[in-house]
Amino acid sequence: MTDLTILLRLAETIKARKLADANSSYVAKLFHGGQDKILKKIAEESAETLMASKDGNADQVIHETADLWFHCLVLLAYHELTPEDVLKELARREGMSGIEEKASRTTG
């Protein structure tokens, strides 16, 4: 099994590049473009992941999911959140049915 700490290391790299020169860092370019640019990339990568799945191409599903996760990590950093925040939420939901989990959410 691959070490899941890669997500933590990648998140740290993204955080470090947040204020870099947009001409020298793709991540910095995303941050300089603001939330809309980041969200557009997530939408694009989501669509590409869906199409790879529809095509039944396992290698492309892996590739596109990696792109999608990367851009989700950028979005987390934009909001000053970390993969640990998401992992804590997944741990909270573990063993809970989807119906039960949705009912446990507060609306606001």
PDB file of N, CA and C in Angstrom:
ATOM      1  N   MET A   1       0.846  -1.189   0.000  1.00  0.00           N
ATOM      2  CA  MET A   1       0.000   0.000   0.000  1.00  0.00           C
ATOM      3  C   MET A   1       0.888   1.248   0.000  1.00  0.00           C
ATOM      4  N   THR A   2       0.501   2.235  -0.767  1.00  0.00           N
ATOM      5  CA  THR A   2       1.239   3.488  -0.848  1.00  0.00           C
ATOM      6  C   THR A   2       1.013   4.295   0.432  1.00  0.00           C
ATOM      7  N   ASP A   3       2.050   4.949   0.874  1.00  0.00           N
ATOM      8  CA  ASP A   3       1.995   5.766   2.089  1.00  0.00           C
ATOM      9  C   ASP A   3       1.113   6.994   1.852  1.00  0.00           C
ATOM     10  N   LEU A   4       0.062   7.129   2.653  1.00  0.00           N
ATOM     11  CA  LEU A   4      -0.870   8.238   2.487  1.00  0.00           C
ATOM     12  C   LEU A   4      -0.286   9.584   2.905  1.00  0.00           C
ATOM     13  N   THR A   5       0.902   9.569   3.493  1.00  0.00           N
ATOM     14  CA  THR A   5       1.507  10.852   3.868  1.00  0.00           C
ATOM     15  C   THR A   5       1.883  11.676   2.641  1.00  0.00           C
ATOM     16  N   ILE A   6       1.823  11.081   1.458  1.00  0.00           N
ATOM     17  CA  ILE A   6       2.070  11.856   0.242  1.00  0.00           C
ATOM     18  C   ILE A   6       1.102  13.025   0.170  1.00  0.00           C
ATOM     19  N   LEU A   7      -0.146  12.836   0.618  1.00  0.00           N
ATOM     20  CA  LEU A   7      -1.112  13.939   0.613  1.00  0.00           C
ATOM     21  C   LEU A   7      -0.652  15.068   1.523  1.00  0.00           C
ATOM     22  N   LEU A   8      -0.100  14.713   2.659  1.00  0.00           N
ATOM     23  CA  LEU A   8       0.373  15.729   3.604  1.00  0.00           C
ATOM     24  C   LEU A   8       1.588  16.468   3.045  1.00  0.00           C
ATOM     25  N   ARG A   9       2.499  15.716   2.441  1.00  0.00           N
ATOM     26  CA  ARG A   9       3.686  16.358   1.846  1.00  0.00           C
ATOM     27  C   ARG A   9       3.288  17.259   0.684  1.00  0.00           C
ATOM     28  N   LEU A  10       2.374  16.788  -0.132  1.00  0.00           N
ATOM     29  CA  LEU A  10       1.907  17.592  -1.265  1.00  0.00           C
ATOM     30  C   LEU A  10       1.203  18.853  -0.773  1.00  0.00           C
ATOM     31  N   ALA A  11       0.404  18.725   0.272  1.00  0.00           N
ATOM     32  CA  ALA A  11      -0.279  19.894   0.841  1.00  0.00           C
ATOM     33  C   ALA A  11       0.730  20.914   1.355  1.00  0.00           C
ATOM     34  N   GLU A  12       1.803  20.454   1.955  1.00  0.00           N
ATOM     35  CA  GLU A  12       2.849  21.368   2.436  1.00  0.00           C
ATOM     36  C   GLU A  12       3.530  22.077   1.267  1.00  0.00           C
ATOM     37  N   THR A  13       3.785  21.358   0.189  1.00  0.00           N
ATOM     38  CA  THR A  13       4.390  21.964  -0.999  1.00  0.00           C
ATOM     39  C   THR A  13       3.459  23.017  -1.582  1.00  0.00           C
ATOM     40  N   ILE A  14       2.179  22.698  -1.660  1.00  0.00           N
ATOM     41  CA  ILE A  14       1.192  23.657  -2.179  1.00  0.00           C
ATOM     42  C   ILE A  14       1.176  24.902  -1.305  1.00  0.00           C
ATOM     43  N   LYS A  15       1.150  24.722  -0.003  1.00  0.00           N
ATOM     44  CA  LYS A  15       1.146  25.850   0.939  1.00  0.00           C
ATOM     45  C   LYS A  15       2.392  26.719   0.748  1.00  0.00           C
ATOM     46  N   ALA A  16       3.533  26.085   0.558  1.00  0.00           N
ATOM     47  CA  ALA A  16       4.793  26.816   0.384  1.00  0.00           C
ATOM     48  C   ALA A  16       4.813  27.622  -0.913  1.00  0.00           C
ATOM     49  N   ARG A  17       4.110  27.153  -1.915  1.00  0.00           N
ATOM     50  CA  ARG A  17       4.106  27.830  -3.220  1.00  0.00           C
ATOM     51  C   ARG A  17       2.984  28.844  -3.359  1.00  0.00           C
ATOM     52  N   LYS A  18       2.149  28.935  -2.352  1.00  0.00           N
ATOM     53  CA  LYS A  18       0.981  29.820  -2.401  1.00  0.00           C
ATOM     54  C   LYS A  18       1.351  31.261  -2.747  1.00  0.00           C
ATOM     55  N   LEU A  19       2.443  31.747  -2.212  1.00  0.00           N
ATOM     56  CA  LEU A  19       2.844  33.141  -2.430  1.00  0.00           C
ATOM     57  C   LEU A  19       4.007  33.290  -3.414  1.00  0.00           C
ATOM     58  N   ALA A  20       4.327  32.208  -4.107  1.00  0.00           N
ATOM     59  CA  ALA A  20       5.435  32.258  -5.071  1.00  0.00           C
ATOM     60  C   ALA A  20       5.060  33.117  -6.274  1.00  0.00           C
ATOM     61  N   ASP A  21       6.045  33.372  -7.101  1.00  0.00           N
ATOM     62  CA  ASP A  21       5.843  34.114  -8.344  1.00  0.00           C
ATOM     63  C   ASP A  21       4.985  33.280  -9.294  1.00  0.00           C
ATOM     64  N   ALA A  22       3.903  33.856  -9.760  1.00  0.00           N
ATOM     65  CA  ALA A  22       2.981  33.143 -10.646  1.00  0.00           C
ATOM     66  C   ALA A  22       3.630  32.745 -11.966  1.00  0.00           C
ATOM     67  N   ASN A  23       4.731  33.393 -12.327  1.00  0.00           N
ATOM     68  CA  ASN A  23       5.430  33.034 -13.560  1.00  0.00           C
ATOM     69  C   ASN A  23       6.316  31.811 -13.395  1.00  0.00           C
ATOM     70  N   SER A  24       6.577  31.429 -12.137  1.00  0.00           N
ATOM     71  CA  SER A  24       7.473  30.305 -11.907  1.00  0.00           C
ATOM     72  C   SER A  24       6.791  29.116 -11.239  1.00  0.00           C
ATOM     73  N   SER A  25       5.512  29.257 -10.885  1.00  0.00           N
ATOM     74  CA  SER A  25       4.818  28.183 -10.178  1.00  0.00           C
ATOM     75  C   SER A  25       3.375  28.072 -10.642  1.00  0.00           C
ATOM     76  N   TYR A  26       3.008  26.876 -11.081  1.00  0.00           N
ATOM     77  CA  TYR A  26       1.633  26.622 -11.490  1.00  0.00           C
ATOM     78  C   TYR A  26       0.675  26.850 -10.322  1.00  0.00           C
ATOM     79  N   VAL A  27       1.058  26.373  -9.136  1.00  0.00           N
ATOM     80  CA  VAL A  27       0.228  26.547  -7.940  1.00  0.00           C
ATOM     81  C   VAL A  27       0.032  28.030  -7.643  1.00  0.00           C
ATOM     82  N   ALA A  28       1.108  28.793  -7.703  1.00  0.00           N
ATOM     83  CA  ALA A  28       1.002  30.231  -7.456  1.00  0.00           C
ATOM     84  C   ALA A  28       0.080  30.886  -8.486  1.00  0.00           C
ATOM     85  N   LYS A  29       0.162  30.433  -9.723  1.00  0.00           N
ATOM     86  CA  LYS A  29      -0.702  30.975 -10.772  1.00  0.00           C
ATOM     87  C   LYS A  29      -2.175  30.714 -10.433  1.00  0.00           C
ATOM     88  N   LEU A  30      -2.469  29.521  -9.926  1.00  0.00           N
ATOM     89  CA  LEU A  30      -3.833  29.214  -9.512  1.00  0.00           C
ATOM     90  C   LEU A  30      -4.280  30.152  -8.382  1.00  0.00           C
ATOM     91  N   PHE A  31      -3.431  30.320  -7.375  1.00  0.00           N
ATOM     92  CA  PHE A  31      -3.784  31.191  -6.252  1.00  0.00           C
ATOM     93  C   PHE A  31      -3.955  32.636  -6.695  1.00  0.00           C
ATOM     94  N   HIS A  32      -3.071  33.092  -7.573  1.00  0.00           N
ATOM     95  CA  HIS A  32      -3.176  34.466  -8.066  1.00  0.00           C
ATOM     96  C   HIS A  32      -4.448  34.668  -8.889  1.00  0.00           C
ATOM     97  N   GLY A  33      -4.954  33.585  -9.491  1.00  0.00           N
ATOM     98  CA  GLY A  33      -6.199  33.663 -10.256  1.00  0.00           C
ATOM     99  C   GLY A  33      -7.434  33.677  -9.368  1.00  0.00           C
ATOM    100  N   GLY A  34      -7.239  33.394  -8.098  1.00  0.00           N
ATOM    101  CA  GLY A  34      -8.346  33.430  -7.144  1.00  0.00           C
ATOM    102  C   GLY A  34      -9.175  32.153  -7.145  1.00  0.00           C
ATOM    103  N   GLN A  35     -10.169  32.178  -6.287  1.00  0.00           N
ATOM    104  CA  GLN A  35     -11.007  31.004  -6.103  1.00  0.00           C
ATOM    105  C   GLN A  35     -11.675  30.552  -7.403  1.00  0.00           C
ATOM    106  N   ASP A  36     -12.128  31.472  -8.225  1.00  0.00           N
ATOM    107  CA  ASP A  36     -12.801  31.088  -9.464  1.00  0.00           C
ATOM    108  C   ASP A  36     -11.896  30.251 -10.363  1.00  0.00           C
ATOM    109  N   LYS A  37     -10.625  30.613 -10.446  1.00  0.00           N
ATOM    110  CA  LYS A  37      -9.682  29.846 -11.270  1.00  0.00           C
ATOM    111  C   LYS A  37      -9.505  28.436 -10.703  1.00  0.00           C
ATOM    112  N   ILE A  38      -9.401  28.335  -9.392  1.00  0.00           N
ATOM    113  CA  ILE A  38      -9.244  27.027  -8.738  1.00  0.00           C
ATOM    114  C   ILE A  38     -10.497  26.180  -8.965  1.00  0.00           C
ATOM    115  N   LEU A  39     -11.662  26.782  -8.775  1.00  0.00           N
ATOM    116  CA  LEU A  39     -12.913  26.052  -8.959  1.00  0.00           C
ATOM    117  C   LEU A  39     -13.094  25.600 -10.404  1.00  0.00           C
ATOM    118  N   LYS A  40     -12.682  26.427 -11.339  1.00  0.00           N
ATOM    119  CA  LYS A  40     -12.772  26.055 -12.751  1.00  0.00           C
ATOM    120  C   LYS A  40     -11.908  24.829 -13.037  1.00  0.00           C
ATOM    121  N   LYS A  41     -10.718  24.781 -12.448  1.00  0.00           N
ATOM    122  CA  LYS A  41      -9.840  23.618 -12.635  1.00  0.00           C
ATOM    123  C   LYS A  41     -10.451  22.374 -12.015  1.00  0.00           C
ATOM    124  N   ILE A  42     -11.085  22.508 -10.851  1.00  0.00           N
ATOM    125  CA  ILE A  42     -11.720  21.352 -10.221  1.00  0.00           C
ATOM    126  C   ILE A  42     -12.866  20.844 -11.095  1.00  0.00           C
ATOM    127  N   ALA A  43     -13.649  21.746 -11.633  1.00  0.00           N
ATOM    128  CA  ALA A  43     -14.740  21.344 -12.518  1.00  0.00           C
ATOM    129  C   ALA A  43     -14.190  20.626 -13.755  1.00  0.00           C
ATOM    130  N   GLU A  44     -13.126  21.170 -14.323  1.00  0.00           N
ATOM    131  CA  GLU A  44     -12.504  20.566 -15.509  1.00  0.00           C
ATOM    132  C   GLU A  44     -11.976  19.167 -15.191  1.00  0.00           C
ATOM    133  N   GLU A  45     -11.255  19.042 -14.083  1.00  0.00           N
ATOM    134  CA  GLU A  45     -10.687  17.740 -13.720  1.00  0.00           C
ATOM    135  C   GLU A  45     -11.775  16.743 -13.337  1.00  0.00           C
ATOM    136  N   SER A  46     -12.869  17.232 -12.733  1.00  0.00           N
ATOM    137  CA  SER A  46     -14.003  16.356 -12.419  1.00  0.00           C
ATOM    138  C   SER A  46     -14.594  15.786 -13.699  1.00  0.00           C
ATOM    139  N   ALA A  47     -14.801  16.643 -14.678  1.00  0.00           N
ATOM    140  CA  ALA A  47     -15.360  16.202 -15.962  1.00  0.00           C
ATOM    141  C   ALA A  47     -14.436  15.196 -16.639  1.00  0.00           C
ATOM    142  N   GLU A  48     -13.146  15.444 -16.592  1.00  0.00           N
ATOM    143  CA  GLU A  48     -12.190  14.526 -17.215  1.00  0.00           C
ATOM    144  C   GLU A  48     -12.171  13.177 -16.497  1.00  0.00           C
ATOM    145  N   THR A  49     -12.340  13.192 -15.179  1.00  0.00           N
ATOM    146  CA  THR A  49     -12.412  11.947 -14.414  1.00  0.00           C
ATOM    147  C   THR A  49     -13.666  11.170 -14.803  1.00  0.00           C
ATOM    148  N   LEU A  50     -14.777  11.871 -14.924  1.00  0.00           N
ATOM    149  CA  LEU A  50     -16.028  11.224 -15.324  1.00  0.00           C
ATOM    150  C   LEU A  50     -15.908  10.600 -16.715  1.00  0.00           C
ATOM    151  N   MET A  51     -15.315  11.324 -17.639  1.00  0.00           N
ATOM    152  CA  MET A  51     -15.186  10.818 -19.006  1.00  0.00           C
ATOM    153  C   MET A  51     -14.253   9.606 -19.057  1.00  0.00           C
ATOM    154  N   ALA A  52     -13.178   9.637 -18.283  1.00  0.00           N
ATOM    155  CA  ALA A  52     -12.272   8.488 -18.240  1.00  0.00           C
ATOM    156  C   ALA A  52     -13.006   7.259 -17.707  1.00  0.00           C
ATOM    157  N   SER A  53     -13.848   7.468 -16.707  1.00  0.00           N
ATOM    158  CA  SER A  53     -14.633   6.361 -16.168  1.00  0.00           C
ATOM    159  C   SER A  53     -15.626   5.843 -17.196  1.00  0.00           C
ATOM    160  N   LYS A  54     -16.339   6.753 -17.856  1.00  0.00           N
ATOM    161  CA  LYS A  54     -17.297   6.354 -18.889  1.00  0.00           C
ATOM    162  C   LYS A  54     -16.612   5.573 -20.014  1.00  0.00           C
ATOM    163  N   ASP A  55     -15.365   5.944 -20.317  1.00  0.00           N
ATOM    164  CA  ASP A  55     -14.607   5.264 -21.363  1.00  0.00           C
ATOM    165  C   ASP A  55     -14.057   3.917 -20.895  1.00  0.00           C
ATOM    166  N   GLY A  56     -14.131   3.654 -19.576  1.00  0.00           N
ATOM    167  CA  GLY A  56     -13.632   2.394 -19.039  1.00  0.00           C
ATOM    168  C   GLY A  56     -12.121   2.279 -19.045  1.00  0.00           C
ATOM    169  N   ASN A  57     -11.445   3.414 -19.018  1.00  0.00           N
ATOM    170  CA  ASN A  57      -9.985   3.432 -19.087  1.00  0.00           C
ATOM    171  C   ASN A  57      -9.407   3.607 -17.673  1.00  0.00           C
ATOM    172  N   ALA A  58      -9.043   2.506 -17.044  1.00  0.00           N
ATOM    173  CA  ALA A  58      -8.575   2.532 -15.656  1.00  0.00           C
ATOM    174  C   ALA A  58      -7.348   3.427 -15.464  1.00  0.00           C
ATOM    175  N   ASP A  59      -6.402   3.366 -16.391  1.00  0.00           N
ATOM    176  CA  ASP A  59      -5.200   4.210 -16.263  1.00  0.00           C
ATOM    177  C   ASP A  59      -5.569   5.691 -16.286  1.00  0.00           C
ATOM    178  N   GLN A  60      -6.488   6.056 -17.172  1.00  0.00           N
ATOM    179  CA  GLN A  60      -6.919   7.451 -17.250  1.00  0.00           C
ATOM    180  C   GLN A  60      -7.722   7.851 -16.022  1.00  0.00           C
ATOM    181  N   VAL A  61      -8.517   6.927 -15.466  1.00  0.00           N
ATOM    182  CA  VAL A  61      -9.252   7.225 -14.232  1.00  0.00           C
ATOM    183  C   VAL A  61      -8.261   7.567 -13.125  1.00  0.00           C
ATOM    184  N   ILE A  62      -7.189   6.795 -13.019  1.00  0.00           N
ATOM    185  CA  ILE A  62      -6.157   7.071 -12.007  1.00  0.00           C
ATOM    186  C   ILE A  62      -5.517   8.422 -12.261  1.00  0.00           C
ATOM    187  N   HIS A  63      -5.112   8.669 -13.494  1.00  0.00           N
ATOM    188  CA  HIS A  63      -4.445   9.928 -13.857  1.00  0.00           C
ATOM    189  C   HIS A  63      -5.344  11.131 -13.570  1.00  0.00           C
ATOM    190  N   GLU A  64      -6.579  11.055 -14.018  1.00  0.00           N
ATOM    191  CA  GLU A  64      -7.492  12.189 -13.845  1.00  0.00           C
ATOM    192  C   GLU A  64      -7.896  12.371 -12.383  1.00  0.00           C
ATOM    193  N   THR A  65      -8.046  11.284 -11.640  1.00  0.00           N
ATOM    194  CA  THR A  65      -8.353  11.404 -10.212  1.00  0.00           C
ATOM    195  C   THR A  65      -7.193  12.055  -9.482  1.00  0.00           C
ATOM    196  N   ALA A  66      -5.966  11.724  -9.865  1.00  0.00           N
ATOM    197  CA  ALA A  66      -4.799  12.382  -9.258  1.00  0.00           C
ATOM    198  C   ALA A  66      -4.845  13.883  -9.521  1.00  0.00           C
ATOM    199  N   ASP A  67      -5.184  14.276 -10.747  1.00  0.00           N
ATOM    200  CA  ASP A  67      -5.311  15.698 -11.075  1.00  0.00           C
ATOM    201  C   ASP A  67      -6.414  16.347 -10.240  1.00  0.00           C
ATOM    202  N   LEU A  68      -7.534  15.648 -10.112  1.00  0.00           N
ATOM    203  CA  LEU A  68      -8.655  16.169  -9.338  1.00  0.00           C
ATOM    204  C   LEU A  68      -8.270  16.343  -7.866  1.00  0.00           C
ATOM    205  N   TRP A  69      -7.651  15.328  -7.283  1.00  0.00           N
ATOM    206  CA  TRP A  69      -7.231  15.423  -5.879  1.00  0.00           C
ATOM    207  C   TRP A  69      -6.244  16.563  -5.679  1.00  0.00           C
ATOM    208  N   PHE A  70      -5.296  16.710  -6.628  1.00  0.00           N
ATOM    209  CA  PHE A  70      -4.321  17.788  -6.531  1.00  0.00           C
ATOM    210  C   PHE A  70      -5.030  19.142  -6.448  1.00  0.00           C
ATOM    211  N   HIS A  71      -5.976  19.353  -7.348  1.00  0.00           N
ATOM    212  CA  HIS A  71      -6.661  20.646  -7.373  1.00  0.00           C
ATOM    213  C   HIS A  71      -7.564  20.824  -6.154  1.00  0.00           C
ATOM    214  N   CYS A  72      -8.085  19.732  -5.617  1.00  0.00           N
ATOM    215  CA  CYS A  72      -8.833  19.822  -4.350  1.00  0.00           C
ATOM    216  C   CYS A  72      -7.903  20.207  -3.203  1.00  0.00           C
ATOM    217  N   LEU A  73      -6.665  19.726  -3.226  1.00  0.00           N
ATOM    218  CA  LEU A  73      -5.682  20.138  -2.217  1.00  0.00           C
ATOM    219  C   LEU A  73      -5.383  21.628  -2.337  1.00  0.00           C
ATOM    220  N   VAL A  74      -5.332  22.133  -3.562  1.00  0.00           N
ATOM    221  CA  VAL A  74      -5.132  23.571  -3.769  1.00  0.00           C
ATOM    222  C   VAL A  74      -6.311  24.339  -3.168  1.00  0.00           C
ATOM    223  N   LEU A  75      -7.527  23.856  -3.400  1.00  0.00           N
ATOM    224  CA  LEU A  75      -8.710  24.511  -2.832  1.00  0.00           C
ATOM    225  C   LEU A  75      -8.685  24.489  -1.306  1.00  0.00           C
ATOM    226  N   LEU A  76      -8.293  23.370  -0.734  1.00  0.00           N
ATOM    227  CA  LEU A  76      -8.172  23.309   0.727  1.00  0.00           C
ATOM    228  C   LEU A  76      -7.187  24.365   1.215  1.00  0.00           C
ATOM    229  N   ALA A  77      -6.036  24.462   0.565  1.00  0.00           N
ATOM    230  CA  ALA A  77      -5.031  25.452   0.967  1.00  0.00           C
ATOM    231  C   ALA A  77      -5.564  26.874   0.796  1.00  0.00           C
ATOM    232  N   TYR A  78      -6.341  27.099  -0.236  1.00  0.00           N
ATOM    233  CA  TYR A  78      -6.943  28.414  -0.454  1.00  0.00           C
ATOM    234  C   TYR A  78      -7.768  28.822   0.769  1.00  0.00           C
ATOM    235  N   HIS A  79      -8.456  27.849   1.345  1.00  0.00           N
ATOM    236  CA  HIS A  79      -9.291  28.103   2.521  1.00  0.00           C
ATOM    237  C   HIS A  79      -8.539  27.868   3.838  1.00  0.00           C
ATOM    238  N   GLU A  80      -7.215  27.688   3.717  1.00  0.00           N
ATOM    239  CA  GLU A  80      -6.347  27.421   4.875  1.00  0.00           C
ATOM    240  C   GLU A  80      -6.788  26.188   5.651  1.00  0.00           C
ATOM    241  N   LEU A  81      -7.201  25.168   4.886  1.00  0.00           N
ATOM    242  CA  LEU A  81      -7.560  23.869   5.428  1.00  0.00           C
ATOM    243  C   LEU A  81      -6.503  22.859   4.998  1.00  0.00           C
ATOM    244  N   THR A  82      -6.530  21.685   5.606  1.00  0.00           N
ATOM    245  CA  THR A  82      -5.531  20.664   5.313  1.00  0.00           C
ATOM    246  C   THR A  82      -6.193  19.321   5.029  1.00  0.00           C
ATOM    247  N   PRO A  83      -5.436  18.388   4.473  1.00  0.00           N
ATOM    248  CA  PRO A  83      -5.980  17.040   4.296  1.00  0.00           C
ATOM    249  C   PRO A  83      -6.423  16.432   5.630  1.00  0.00           C
ATOM    250  N   GLU A  84      -5.738  16.789   6.711  1.00  0.00           N
ATOM    251  CA  GLU A  84      -6.127  16.279   8.027  1.00  0.00           C
ATOM    252  C   GLU A  84      -7.560  16.677   8.378  1.00  0.00           C
ATOM    253  N   ASP A  85      -7.967  17.872   7.984  1.00  0.00           N
ATOM    254  CA  ASP A  85      -9.335  18.312   8.248  1.00  0.00           C
ATOM    255  C   ASP A  85     -10.343  17.386   7.564  1.00  0.00           C
ATOM    256  N   VAL A  86     -10.043  17.000   6.338  1.00  0.00           N
ATOM    257  CA  VAL A  86     -10.928  16.099   5.593  1.00  0.00           C
ATOM    258  C   VAL A  86     -10.866  14.696   6.198  1.00  0.00           C
ATOM    259  N   LEU A  87      -9.666  14.252   6.559  1.00  0.00           N
ATOM    260  CA  LEU A  87      -9.522  12.926   7.159  1.00  0.00           C
ATOM    261  C   LEU A  87     -10.273  12.823   8.479  1.00  0.00           C
ATOM    262  N   LYS A  88     -10.257  13.891   9.265  1.00  0.00           N
ATOM    263  CA  LYS A  88     -11.023  13.897  10.522  1.00  0.00           C
ATOM    264  C   LYS A  88     -12.511  13.751  10.246  1.00  0.00           C
ATOM    265  N   GLU A  89     -12.984  14.415   9.213  1.00  0.00           N
ATOM    266  CA  GLU A  89     -14.400  14.311   8.857  1.00  0.00           C
ATOM    267  C   GLU A  89     -14.736  12.902   8.375  1.00  0.00           C
ATOM    268  N   LEU A  90     -13.864  12.301   7.587  1.00  0.00           N
ATOM    269  CA  LEU A  90     -14.093  10.926   7.144  1.00  0.00           C
ATOM    270  C   LEU A  90     -14.091   9.970   8.333  1.00  0.00           C
ATOM    271  N   ALA A  91     -13.181  10.200   9.275  1.00  0.00           N
ATOM    272  CA  ALA A  91     -13.144   9.363  10.488  1.00  0.00           C
ATOM    273  C   ALA A  91     -14.436   9.511  11.279  1.00  0.00           C
ATOM    274  N   ARG A  92     -14.962  10.726  11.346  1.00  0.00           N
ATOM    275  CA  ARG A  92     -16.214  10.961  12.064  1.00  0.00           C
ATOM    276  C   ARG A  92     -17.357  10.169  11.427  1.00  0.00           C
ATOM    277  N   ARG A  93     -17.324  10.064  10.115  1.00  0.00           N
ATOM    278  CA  ARG A  93     -18.392   9.381   9.383  1.00  0.00           C
ATOM    279  C   ARG A  93     -18.236   7.868   9.343  1.00  0.00           C
ATOM    280  N   GLU A  94     -17.055   7.383   9.648  1.00  0.00           N
ATOM    281  CA  GLU A  94     -16.783   5.950   9.528  1.00  0.00           C
ATOM    282  C   GLU A  94     -17.776   5.127  10.352  1.00  0.00           C
ATOM    283  N   GLY A  95     -18.320   4.123   9.717  1.00  0.00           N
ATOM    284  CA  GLY A  95     -19.260   3.245  10.389  1.00  0.00           C
ATOM    285  C   GLY A  95     -20.680   3.782  10.445  1.00  0.00           C
ATOM    286  N   MET A  96     -20.894   4.956   9.899  1.00  0.00           N
ATOM    287  CA  MET A  96     -22.212   5.595   9.916  1.00  0.00           C
ATOM    288  C   MET A  96     -22.844   5.410   8.531  1.00  0.00           C
ATOM    289  N   SER A  97     -24.111   5.121   8.483  1.00  0.00           N
ATOM    290  CA  SER A  97     -24.755   5.014   7.177  1.00  0.00           C
ATOM    291  C   SER A  97     -24.822   6.402   6.544  1.00  0.00           C
ATOM    292  N   GLY A  98     -24.916   6.427   5.229  1.00  0.00           N
ATOM    293  CA  GLY A  98     -25.025   7.707   4.528  1.00  0.00           C
ATOM    294  C   GLY A  98     -26.262   8.484   4.937  1.00  0.00           C
ATOM    295  N   ILE A  99     -27.353   7.772   5.170  1.00  0.00           N
ATOM    296  CA  ILE A  99     -28.593   8.434   5.592  1.00  0.00           C
ATOM    297  C   ILE A  99     -28.405   9.043   6.979  1.00  0.00           C
ATOM    298  N   GLU A 100     -27.801   8.274   7.874  1.00  0.00           N
ATOM    299  CA  GLU A 100     -27.537   8.762   9.238  1.00  0.00           C
ATOM    300  C   GLU A 100     -26.591   9.958   9.211  1.00  0.00           C
ATOM    301  N   GLU A 101     -25.545   9.883   8.382  1.00  0.00           N
ATOM    302  CA  GLU A 101     -24.571  10.974   8.298  1.00  0.00           C
ATOM    303  C   GLU A 101     -25.231  12.251   7.816  1.00  0.00           C
ATOM    304  N   LYS A 102     -26.031  12.173   6.773  1.00  0.00           N
ATOM    305  CA  LYS A 102     -26.713  13.375   6.255  1.00  0.00           C
ATOM    306  C   LYS A 102     -27.642  13.971   7.297  1.00  0.00           C
ATOM    307  N   ALA A 103     -28.321  13.133   8.057  1.00  0.00           N
ATOM    308  CA  ALA A 103     -29.233  13.615   9.103  1.00  0.00           C
ATOM    309  C   ALA A 103     -28.475  14.294  10.237  1.00  0.00           C
ATOM    310  N   SER A 104     -27.185  13.922  10.413  1.00  0.00           N
ATOM    311  CA  SER A 104     -26.400  14.491  11.519  1.00  0.00           C
ATOM    312  C   SER A 104     -25.855  15.890  11.203  1.00  0.00           C
ATOM    313  N   ARG A 105     -25.892  16.284   9.948  1.00  0.00           N
ATOM    314  CA  ARG A 105     -25.380  17.604   9.555  1.00  0.00           C
ATOM    315  C   ARG A 105     -26.337  18.694  10.024  1.00  0.00           C
ATOM    316  N   THR A 106     -25.737  19.785  10.454  1.00  0.00           N
ATOM    317  CA  THR A 106     -26.569  20.928  10.817  1.00  0.00           C
ATOM    318  C   THR A 106     -26.706  21.808   9.595  1.00  0.00           C
ATOM    319  N   THR A 107     -27.849  22.394   9.431  1.00  0.00           N
ATOM    320  CA  THR A 107     -28.046  23.318   8.315  1.00  0.00           C
ATOM    321  C   THR A 107     -27.799  24.725   8.806  1.00  0.00           C
ATOM    322  N   GLY A 108     -27.261  25.544   7.949  1.00  0.00           N
ATOM    323  CA  GLY A 108     -26.938  26.878   8.406  1.00  0.00           C
ATOM    324  C   GLY A 108     -27.004  27.896   7.392  1.00  0.00           C
TER     325      GLY A 108
END
